[in-house]
N, C-alpha and C. Protein backbone atom coordinates (compact mmCIF):
# COMPACT_ATOMS: atom_id res chain seq x y z
N ALA A 1 0.85 -1.18 0.00
CA ALA A 1 0.00 0.00 0.00
C ALA A 1 0.88 1.23 0.00
N ASN A 2 0.66 2.11 -0.93
CA ASN A 2 1.47 3.32 -1.03
C ASN A 2 0.96 4.37 -0.07
N SER A 3 1.87 5.16 0.41
CA SER A 3 1.56 6.24 1.33
C SER A 3 1.38 7.53 0.54
N SER A 4 0.63 8.44 1.09
CA SER A 4 0.47 9.72 0.41
C SER A 4 1.27 10.81 1.11
N ARG A 5 2.19 10.40 1.99
CA ARG A 5 3.01 11.38 2.69
C ARG A 5 3.91 12.13 1.73
N SER A 6 4.15 13.38 2.01
CA SER A 6 5.06 14.17 1.21
C SER A 6 6.36 14.34 1.96
N TYR A 7 7.41 14.58 1.22
CA TYR A 7 8.72 14.79 1.77
C TYR A 7 9.24 16.13 1.27
N THR A 8 9.80 16.91 2.15
CA THR A 8 10.47 18.14 1.74
C THR A 8 11.82 18.18 2.42
N SER A 9 12.86 18.28 1.64
CA SER A 9 14.22 18.37 2.17
C SER A 9 14.36 19.67 2.95
N SER A 10 15.20 19.64 3.95
CA SER A 10 15.41 20.85 4.73
C SER A 10 16.03 21.96 3.88
N THR A 11 16.71 21.58 2.79
CA THR A 11 17.31 22.60 1.94
C THR A 11 16.58 22.71 0.61
N SER A 12 15.49 21.96 0.48
CA SER A 12 14.78 21.92 -0.80
C SER A 12 13.48 22.70 -0.72
N ARG A 13 13.13 23.31 -1.82
CA ARG A 13 11.85 23.98 -1.91
C ARG A 13 10.85 23.10 -2.64
N SER A 14 11.34 21.98 -3.14
CA SER A 14 10.48 21.04 -3.86
C SER A 14 9.97 19.98 -2.91
N SER A 15 8.83 19.44 -3.23
CA SER A 15 8.24 18.39 -2.41
C SER A 15 8.25 17.09 -3.20
N TYR A 16 8.63 16.01 -2.56
CA TYR A 16 8.67 14.70 -3.19
C TYR A 16 7.76 13.76 -2.42
N ASN A 17 7.01 12.99 -3.13
CA ASN A 17 6.10 12.03 -2.52
C ASN A 17 6.87 10.77 -2.19
N LEU A 18 6.94 10.43 -0.91
CA LEU A 18 7.67 9.22 -0.51
C LEU A 18 7.03 7.96 -1.08
N ALA A 19 5.79 8.05 -1.53
CA ALA A 19 5.15 6.89 -2.15
C ALA A 19 5.83 6.55 -3.47
N ALA A 20 6.65 7.47 -3.99
CA ALA A 20 7.39 7.19 -5.22
C ALA A 20 8.41 6.09 -5.01
N ILE A 21 8.79 5.86 -3.77
CA ILE A 21 9.68 4.75 -3.47
C ILE A 21 8.80 3.57 -3.13
N PRO A 22 9.01 2.41 -3.76
CA PRO A 22 8.13 1.26 -3.54
C PRO A 22 7.94 0.93 -2.07
N ALA A 23 6.79 0.40 -1.76
CA ALA A 23 6.44 0.08 -0.38
C ALA A 23 7.44 -0.88 0.25
N PHE A 24 8.03 -1.79 -0.55
CA PHE A 24 8.96 -2.74 0.03
C PHE A 24 10.20 -2.03 0.59
N ALA A 25 10.48 -0.82 0.14
CA ALA A 25 11.62 -0.07 0.66
C ALA A 25 11.30 0.56 2.01
N ALA A 26 10.03 0.60 2.37
CA ALA A 26 9.64 1.22 3.64
C ALA A 26 9.32 0.18 4.70
N THR A 27 9.26 -1.07 4.31
CA THR A 27 8.93 -2.11 5.26
C THR A 27 9.91 -3.25 5.12
N THR A 28 9.97 -4.05 6.12
CA THR A 28 10.86 -5.20 6.09
C THR A 28 10.26 -6.31 6.92
N THR A 29 10.55 -7.54 6.54
CA THR A 29 10.06 -8.68 7.32
C THR A 29 11.13 -9.13 8.31
N SER A 30 12.27 -8.45 8.32
CA SER A 30 13.34 -8.80 9.25
C SER A 30 13.03 -8.20 10.61
N SER A 31 14.00 -8.33 11.51
CA SER A 31 13.81 -7.81 12.86
C SER A 31 14.15 -6.32 12.97
N ILE A 32 14.47 -5.70 11.85
CA ILE A 32 14.79 -4.26 11.86
C ILE A 32 13.50 -3.47 12.07
N PRO A 33 13.45 -2.58 13.05
CA PRO A 33 12.24 -1.78 13.28
C PRO A 33 11.90 -0.89 12.09
N ALA A 34 10.61 -0.81 11.76
CA ALA A 34 10.15 0.01 10.63
C ALA A 34 10.63 1.46 10.72
N PRO A 35 10.64 2.09 11.91
CA PRO A 35 11.13 3.48 11.97
C PRO A 35 12.59 3.61 11.50
N GLN A 36 13.40 2.60 11.76
CA GLN A 36 14.79 2.64 11.33
C GLN A 36 14.88 2.57 9.80
N VAL A 37 14.02 1.75 9.19
CA VAL A 37 13.97 1.66 7.73
C VAL A 37 13.47 2.97 7.15
N GLU A 38 12.43 3.52 7.73
CA GLU A 38 11.87 4.79 7.26
C GLU A 38 12.90 5.90 7.36
N SER A 39 13.67 5.91 8.42
CA SER A 39 14.72 6.91 8.60
C SER A 39 15.79 6.78 7.51
N ALA A 40 16.19 5.56 7.20
CA ALA A 40 17.20 5.34 6.15
C ALA A 40 16.65 5.76 4.79
N LYS A 41 15.37 5.49 4.55
CA LYS A 41 14.75 5.90 3.28
C LYS A 41 14.70 7.42 3.17
N THR A 42 14.30 8.08 4.21
CA THR A 42 14.22 9.54 4.22
C THR A 42 15.61 10.15 4.05
N SER A 43 16.61 9.56 4.70
CA SER A 43 17.99 10.05 4.55
C SER A 43 18.47 9.93 3.12
N LEU A 44 18.13 8.82 2.47
CA LEU A 44 18.53 8.64 1.07
C LEU A 44 17.86 9.67 0.17
N VAL A 45 16.57 9.90 0.37
CA VAL A 45 15.87 10.90 -0.44
C VAL A 45 16.45 12.29 -0.18
N ASN A 46 16.71 12.63 1.08
CA ASN A 46 17.33 13.92 1.42
C ASN A 46 18.65 14.09 0.68
N LEU A 47 19.47 13.06 0.75
CA LEU A 47 20.78 13.13 0.11
C LEU A 47 20.64 13.27 -1.40
N ALA A 48 19.77 12.49 -2.02
CA ALA A 48 19.59 12.55 -3.47
C ALA A 48 19.14 13.94 -3.91
N VAL A 49 18.22 14.52 -3.18
CA VAL A 49 17.73 15.88 -3.51
C VAL A 49 18.87 16.89 -3.38
N ASP A 50 19.60 16.82 -2.29
CA ASP A 50 20.70 17.77 -2.06
C ASP A 50 21.81 17.61 -3.09
N LEU A 51 22.15 16.35 -3.44
CA LEU A 51 23.20 16.12 -4.43
C LEU A 51 22.79 16.64 -5.81
N LYS A 52 21.54 16.45 -6.15
CA LYS A 52 21.06 16.95 -7.44
C LYS A 52 21.17 18.47 -7.49
N LYS A 53 20.80 19.13 -6.41
CA LYS A 53 20.86 20.59 -6.37
C LYS A 53 22.28 21.11 -6.51
N SER A 54 23.24 20.38 -5.96
CA SER A 54 24.62 20.85 -6.01
C SER A 54 25.40 20.33 -7.22
N SER A 55 24.80 19.44 -7.98
CA SER A 55 25.47 18.86 -9.14
C SER A 55 25.58 19.86 -10.28
N LYS A 56 26.74 19.90 -10.90
CA LYS A 56 26.94 20.77 -12.06
C LYS A 56 26.30 20.16 -13.30
N ASN A 57 25.91 18.90 -13.22
CA ASN A 57 25.36 18.19 -14.37
C ASN A 57 23.92 17.72 -14.14
N GLY A 58 23.18 18.45 -13.33
CA GLY A 58 21.78 18.09 -13.09
C GLY A 58 21.67 16.77 -12.34
N VAL A 59 20.89 15.85 -12.88
CA VAL A 59 20.64 14.58 -12.20
C VAL A 59 21.85 13.65 -12.24
N PHE A 60 22.82 13.93 -13.10
CA PHE A 60 23.99 13.06 -13.25
C PHE A 60 25.09 13.47 -12.29
N LEU A 61 25.41 12.58 -11.36
CA LEU A 61 26.45 12.87 -10.38
C LEU A 61 27.80 12.44 -10.93
N THR A 62 28.73 13.37 -11.02
CA THR A 62 30.05 13.06 -11.54
C THR A 62 31.14 13.22 -10.50
N ASN A 63 30.86 13.94 -9.43
CA ASN A 63 31.83 14.13 -8.36
C ASN A 63 32.01 12.80 -7.62
N PRO A 64 33.26 12.30 -7.53
CA PRO A 64 33.50 11.01 -6.87
C PRO A 64 32.99 10.94 -5.43
N ASP A 65 33.14 12.02 -4.68
CA ASP A 65 32.65 12.01 -3.30
C ASP A 65 31.13 11.94 -3.24
N ASP A 66 30.46 12.67 -4.12
CA ASP A 66 29.00 12.63 -4.18
C ASP A 66 28.52 11.23 -4.54
N ARG A 67 29.16 10.63 -5.54
CA ARG A 67 28.78 9.28 -5.95
C ARG A 67 28.98 8.29 -4.81
N ALA A 68 30.09 8.40 -4.11
CA ALA A 68 30.36 7.50 -2.99
C ALA A 68 29.33 7.67 -1.88
N ASN A 69 28.97 8.92 -1.59
CA ASN A 69 27.96 9.18 -0.54
C ASN A 69 26.60 8.60 -0.93
N LEU A 70 26.22 8.74 -2.20
CA LEU A 70 24.95 8.19 -2.65
C LEU A 70 24.97 6.67 -2.56
N MET A 71 26.03 6.05 -3.03
CA MET A 71 26.11 4.59 -3.01
C MET A 71 26.10 4.05 -1.57
N LYS A 72 26.74 4.77 -0.65
CA LYS A 72 26.74 4.37 0.76
C LYS A 72 25.32 4.41 1.32
N SER A 73 24.60 5.49 1.03
CA SER A 73 23.24 5.63 1.53
C SER A 73 22.31 4.56 0.94
N VAL A 74 22.48 4.27 -0.34
CA VAL A 74 21.68 3.21 -0.98
C VAL A 74 21.99 1.87 -0.32
N SER A 75 23.25 1.58 -0.11
CA SER A 75 23.65 0.31 0.51
C SER A 75 23.08 0.17 1.92
N GLU A 76 23.06 1.27 2.66
CA GLU A 76 22.51 1.23 4.02
C GLU A 76 21.02 0.89 4.00
N LEU A 77 20.28 1.49 3.08
CA LEU A 77 18.84 1.19 2.97
C LEU A 77 18.64 -0.25 2.52
N GLU A 78 19.38 -0.68 1.51
CA GLU A 78 19.25 -2.05 1.02
C GLU A 78 19.56 -3.08 2.11
N ALA A 79 20.54 -2.79 2.96
CA ALA A 79 20.90 -3.71 4.04
C ALA A 79 19.75 -3.86 5.04
N LEU A 80 18.98 -2.81 5.23
CA LEU A 80 17.86 -2.87 6.16
C LEU A 80 16.63 -3.55 5.57
N CYS A 81 16.44 -3.41 4.27
CA CYS A 81 15.21 -3.87 3.64
C CYS A 81 15.21 -5.35 3.28
N GLY A 82 16.35 -5.93 3.06
CA GLY A 82 16.40 -7.33 2.67
C GLY A 82 15.97 -7.52 1.23
N PRO A 83 15.74 -8.76 0.84
CA PRO A 83 15.40 -9.05 -0.56
C PRO A 83 14.01 -8.53 -0.93
N PRO A 84 13.78 -8.28 -2.23
CA PRO A 84 12.47 -7.81 -2.69
C PRO A 84 11.37 -8.83 -2.38
N SER A 85 10.17 -8.34 -2.23
CA SER A 85 9.02 -9.20 -1.96
C SER A 85 8.57 -9.88 -3.25
N VAL A 86 7.65 -10.80 -3.11
CA VAL A 86 7.13 -11.56 -4.24
C VAL A 86 6.48 -10.65 -5.27
N ASP A 87 5.79 -9.61 -4.82
CA ASP A 87 5.09 -8.71 -5.74
C ASP A 87 5.94 -7.49 -6.12
N TYR A 88 7.26 -7.63 -6.08
CA TYR A 88 8.20 -6.57 -6.40
C TYR A 88 7.92 -5.92 -7.74
N ASP A 89 7.74 -6.72 -8.80
CA ASP A 89 7.52 -6.17 -10.14
C ASP A 89 6.31 -5.26 -10.21
N GLU A 90 5.24 -5.62 -9.52
CA GLU A 90 4.04 -4.79 -9.53
C GLU A 90 4.26 -3.46 -8.83
N LYS A 91 5.11 -3.47 -7.82
CA LYS A 91 5.33 -2.25 -7.03
C LYS A 91 6.26 -1.26 -7.70
N VAL A 92 7.11 -1.71 -8.61
CA VAL A 92 8.07 -0.79 -9.20
C VAL A 92 7.64 -0.25 -10.56
N VAL A 93 6.51 -0.72 -11.07
CA VAL A 93 6.01 -0.23 -12.35
C VAL A 93 5.22 1.03 -12.10
N GLY A 94 5.51 2.09 -12.86
CA GLY A 94 4.76 3.33 -12.71
C GLY A 94 5.58 4.52 -13.11
N ASP A 95 5.07 5.68 -12.83
CA ASP A 95 5.75 6.93 -13.13
C ASP A 95 6.70 7.26 -11.99
N TRP A 96 7.90 7.66 -12.33
CA TRP A 96 8.93 7.95 -11.33
C TRP A 96 9.52 9.32 -11.58
N THR A 97 10.04 9.93 -10.55
CA THR A 97 10.81 11.17 -10.66
C THR A 97 12.26 10.83 -10.34
N LEU A 98 13.15 11.03 -11.32
CA LEU A 98 14.56 10.75 -11.12
C LEU A 98 15.16 11.89 -10.30
N LEU A 99 15.64 11.56 -9.12
CA LEU A 99 16.25 12.58 -8.27
C LEU A 99 17.71 12.77 -8.64
N CYS A 100 18.44 11.67 -8.84
CA CYS A 100 19.82 11.72 -9.31
C CYS A 100 20.26 10.33 -9.69
N THR A 101 21.34 10.26 -10.45
CA THR A 101 21.85 8.98 -10.89
C THR A 101 23.36 9.07 -11.03
N THR A 102 23.99 7.91 -11.03
CA THR A 102 25.44 7.85 -11.18
C THR A 102 25.81 6.53 -11.83
N ALA A 103 26.92 6.54 -12.51
CA ALA A 103 27.44 5.30 -13.10
C ALA A 103 28.35 4.65 -12.06
N SER A 104 28.25 3.35 -11.94
CA SER A 104 29.13 2.63 -11.01
C SER A 104 30.32 2.10 -11.78
N PRO A 105 31.49 2.17 -11.17
CA PRO A 105 32.69 1.66 -11.86
C PRO A 105 32.65 0.15 -12.01
């Protein structure tokens, strides 16, 4: 079930709907408390918004430190969430807003 909560970065004037991130990223069947997962998800969105704003290339992150920070934040969220659920494909299909992206070496 998607949430209709909005997210606004402390340095952002734009609002992002946290429902844009699949529900499986906000919940976990492991022993990790949901608030901890939600906090990691919010931190990742905060970072992505801030990195995009400071990027000289828009959504494309080319600064090595920025890329490393994004990958670290993604890894932290993935570690909390565990493997995708059975209905993963259904949850990731839809319209998305690209906050930022980077190429991995």
